[in-house]
Amino acid sequence: MATETEKFTRQNDEVFYTTSALTEIGITDISWLKDRARETRRRRARICAHPDPDAGLHEMLIVHEKDTYVPPHRHIGRSESYTIIEGAMRIVLFDEAGSIEDVIAMTTLDQGGCFFYRLSGSQFHSMTIDSEWVVFHEVTSGPFDPATTEFAPWIPAPDDMDAQTEFMTRLIKRIGQGGRTTDG
């Protein structure tokens, strides 16, 4: 087994890139990635299987701890898809004013739930984590351009951790245990 420095290069505390044209990720790598996420302020980390931010296709293995805050945002001109590998989460879709339009409960295939999600439009969305950890594979088009991600105007400021915690607490109460769990 290759060491972490042989398999991945660190871009920042949350982002690691594969060092090989052939990317293989197993349970040891997921455990390693969770350890990296525990060390970050936002409690999340990812392994990018694509070679760099300029790649045309971005594939990422992402881990989020239960209380991870993902601010409602949308992608201009890009779609994204998630496939759950471990854990459970709910995708929350919002309208322009911040009202909830839909909640999609996701879990692993063996748990009988929705394990795949694709959003093909520019709609505000976020997620809540319903397990200690969630591990998922995200696919989107590149190249990475922060200007194509728009954060909702009705969310807390990026540096206001207390307001973010309050926002997520209210959001979880609003959605309860709800959400579509199948493709129907």
Protein backbone atom coordinates (compact mmCIF):
# COMPACT_ATOMS: atom_id res chain seq x y z
CA MET A 1 0.00 0.00 0.00
CA ALA A 2 1.30 3.43 -0.92
CA THR A 3 1.78 6.05 1.76
CA GLU A 4 -0.38 9.18 1.79
CA THR A 5 2.40 11.28 0.30
CA GLU A 6 2.80 8.79 -2.53
CA LYS A 7 -0.93 8.61 -3.30
CA PHE A 8 -2.06 12.21 -2.70
CA THR A 9 -0.68 15.72 -2.75
CA ARG A 10 -2.09 18.36 -0.44
CA GLN A 11 -3.52 21.51 -2.02
CA ASN A 12 -4.84 22.85 1.30
CA ASP A 13 -6.17 21.43 4.57
CA GLU A 14 -9.35 20.17 2.88
CA VAL A 15 -8.25 19.28 -0.67
CA PHE A 16 -5.94 16.49 -1.83
CA TYR A 17 -5.15 15.46 -5.40
CA THR A 18 -4.28 12.01 -6.64
CA THR A 19 -0.70 11.60 -7.82
CA SER A 20 -1.44 8.89 -10.39
CA ALA A 21 -3.37 8.54 -13.64
CA LEU A 22 -5.00 5.49 -12.02
CA THR A 23 -6.89 6.36 -8.84
CA GLU A 24 -7.92 3.61 -6.44
CA ILE A 25 -9.59 4.51 -3.17
CA GLY A 26 -10.36 2.01 -0.43
CA ILE A 27 -11.44 1.98 3.19
CA THR A 28 -7.95 2.89 4.43
CA ASP A 29 -8.00 6.00 2.26
CA ILE A 30 -11.45 6.96 3.55
CA SER A 31 -10.22 6.58 7.15
CA TRP A 32 -7.19 8.72 6.29
CA LEU A 33 -9.46 11.35 4.72
CA LYS A 34 -11.72 11.40 7.80
CA ASP A 35 -8.62 12.00 9.93
CA ARG A 36 -7.72 14.96 7.70
CA ALA A 37 -11.29 16.31 8.00
CA ARG A 38 -11.14 16.11 11.80
CA GLU A 39 -8.15 18.46 11.66
CA THR A 40 -10.03 21.17 9.73
CA ARG A 41 -12.23 23.97 11.03
CA ARG A 42 -15.06 23.01 8.66
CA ARG A 43 -14.80 19.25 9.42
CA ARG A 44 -14.62 18.14 5.80
CA ALA A 45 -12.07 17.01 3.23
CA ARG A 46 -11.89 15.64 -0.30
CA ILE A 47 -9.70 13.63 -2.61
CA CYS A 48 -9.78 14.89 -6.18
CA ALA A 49 -9.39 12.10 -8.74
CA HIS A 50 -8.93 14.67 -11.51
CA PRO A 51 -5.36 15.93 -12.02
CA ASP A 52 -5.87 19.64 -11.29
CA PRO A 53 -8.50 22.42 -11.04
CA ASP A 54 -8.36 23.03 -14.80
CA ALA A 55 -9.55 19.50 -15.70
CA GLY A 56 -12.74 19.30 -17.76
CA LEU A 57 -14.27 16.62 -15.50
CA HIS A 58 -14.07 16.83 -11.72
CA GLU A 59 -14.55 13.67 -9.65
CA MET A 60 -14.14 13.93 -5.90
CA LEU A 61 -14.46 11.60 -2.94
CA ILE A 62 -15.73 13.81 -0.13
CA VAL A 63 -16.18 13.26 3.62
CA HIS A 64 -18.25 15.50 5.89
CA GLU A 65 -18.66 15.12 9.62
CA LYS A 66 -22.19 15.33 11.05
CA ASP A 67 -22.21 19.04 11.92
CA THR A 68 -20.59 20.23 8.69
CA TYR A 69 -22.14 23.44 7.38
CA VAL A 70 -22.60 23.57 3.62
CA PRO A 71 -23.95 27.04 2.84
CA PRO A 72 -26.84 27.12 0.38
CA HIS A 73 -25.38 27.85 -3.03
CA ARG A 74 -25.90 27.23 -6.72
CA HIS A 75 -23.66 26.55 -9.69
CA ILE A 76 -24.08 28.73 -12.75
CA GLY A 77 -23.95 26.69 -15.95
CA ARG A 78 -22.90 23.43 -14.27
CA SER A 79 -24.63 20.30 -13.08
CA GLU A 80 -23.49 18.06 -10.25
CA SER A 81 -24.19 14.56 -9.05
CA TYR A 82 -23.59 12.71 -5.79
CA THR A 83 -23.38 8.99 -5.10
CA ILE A 84 -23.46 7.99 -1.43
CA ILE A 85 -20.79 5.56 -0.29
CA GLU A 86 -21.27 5.68 3.49
CA GLY A 87 -23.74 7.33 5.82
CA ALA A 88 -26.84 9.41 5.16
CA MET A 89 -27.64 12.99 4.24
CA ARG A 90 -30.48 15.11 2.95
CA ILE A 91 -30.17 17.44 -0.01
CA VAL A 92 -32.28 20.56 0.52
CA LEU A 93 -33.41 22.53 -2.53
CA PHE A 94 -34.44 26.16 -2.04
CA ASP A 95 -36.22 28.77 -4.13
CA GLU A 96 -34.79 32.26 -4.67
CA ALA A 97 -36.23 33.56 -1.37
CA GLY A 98 -34.95 30.66 0.76
CA SER A 99 -38.17 28.66 1.01
CA ILE A 100 -37.64 24.91 0.88
CA GLU A 101 -38.84 23.40 -2.39
CA ASP A 102 -37.71 19.80 -1.93
CA VAL A 103 -35.77 17.52 0.38
CA ILE A 104 -34.07 14.38 -0.93
CA ALA A 105 -33.08 11.83 1.72
CA MET A 106 -30.00 9.93 0.60
CA THR A 107 -28.38 6.81 1.98
CA THR A 108 -26.39 3.88 0.70
CA LEU A 109 -27.92 1.40 -1.72
CA ASP A 110 -27.90 -1.40 0.86
CA GLN A 111 -30.05 0.78 3.16
CA GLY A 112 -32.76 0.88 0.50
CA GLY A 113 -32.78 4.62 -0.03
CA CYS A 114 -31.94 7.07 -2.76
CA PHE A 115 -28.20 6.69 -3.31
CA PHE A 116 -27.77 8.88 -6.41
CA TYR A 117 -28.72 12.50 -7.04
CA ARG A 118 -28.14 14.84 -9.96
CA LEU A 119 -29.02 18.52 -10.14
CA SER A 120 -28.93 19.83 -13.69
CA GLY A 121 -30.04 23.39 -13.04
CA SER A 122 -28.84 26.46 -11.19
CA GLN A 123 -30.88 25.99 -8.02
CA PHE A 124 -29.86 26.89 -4.48
CA HIS A 125 -29.09 23.74 -2.51
CA SER A 126 -27.43 22.57 0.67
CA MET A 127 -27.23 19.39 2.71
CA THR A 128 -27.71 18.14 6.23
CA ILE A 129 -25.68 15.19 7.48
CA ASP A 130 -27.78 12.50 9.19
CA SER A 131 -24.96 10.16 10.27
CA GLU A 132 -21.67 10.59 12.13
CA TRP A 133 -19.96 10.85 8.72
CA VAL A 134 -21.14 10.95 5.16
CA VAL A 135 -18.85 9.81 2.35
CA PHE A 136 -19.91 10.58 -1.20
CA HIS A 137 -18.61 10.79 -4.74
CA GLU A 138 -19.30 14.09 -6.48
CA VAL A 139 -19.03 14.63 -10.22
CA THR A 140 -19.21 18.03 -11.89
CA SER A 141 -17.76 19.77 -14.90
CA GLY A 142 -14.58 21.79 -14.75
CA PRO A 143 -12.53 23.79 -14.83
CA PHE A 144 -12.96 25.02 -11.27
CA ASP A 145 -13.99 28.66 -11.26
CA PRO A 146 -15.21 30.15 -7.95
CA ALA A 147 -17.14 32.77 -9.95
CA THR A 148 -19.58 30.03 -11.09
CA THR A 149 -20.68 29.35 -7.50
CA GLU A 150 -23.21 31.80 -6.10
CA PHE A 151 -24.02 31.75 -2.40
CA ALA A 152 -27.60 32.51 -1.40
CA PRO A 153 -28.08 36.12 -0.26
CA TRP A 154 -30.12 35.01 2.77
CA ILE A 155 -27.43 32.90 4.51
CA PRO A 156 -25.19 33.85 7.46
CA ALA A 157 -21.87 35.57 6.85
CA PRO A 158 -18.98 33.16 6.15
CA ASP A 159 -17.15 34.07 9.37
CA ASP A 160 -20.20 34.00 11.70
CA MET A 161 -20.00 30.47 13.10
CA ASP A 162 -22.76 31.06 15.67
CA ALA A 163 -25.20 32.23 12.99
CA GLN A 164 -24.26 29.24 10.82
CA THR A 165 -24.98 26.85 13.68
CA GLU A 166 -28.32 28.58 14.31
CA PHE A 167 -29.17 28.46 10.58
CA MET A 168 -28.50 24.71 10.44
CA THR A 169 -30.45 24.05 13.66
CA ARG A 170 -33.46 25.89 12.21
CA LEU A 171 -33.09 24.12 8.85
CA ILE A 172 -32.99 20.67 10.46
CA LYS A 173 -36.11 21.53 12.49
CA ARG A 174 -37.88 22.76 9.34
CA ILE A 175 -37.20 19.61 7.37
CA GLY A 176 -37.65 17.21 10.29
CA GLN A 177 -37.12 13.62 9.24
CA GLY A 178 -38.68 14.28 5.85
CA GLY A 179 -37.45 13.82 2.36
CA ARG A 180 -38.09 11.65 -0.61
CA THR A 181 -36.20 8.40 -0.18
CA THR A 182 -36.76 6.74 -3.54
CA ASP A 183 -36.79 7.77 -7.15
CA GLY A 184 -40.56 8.08 -7.18
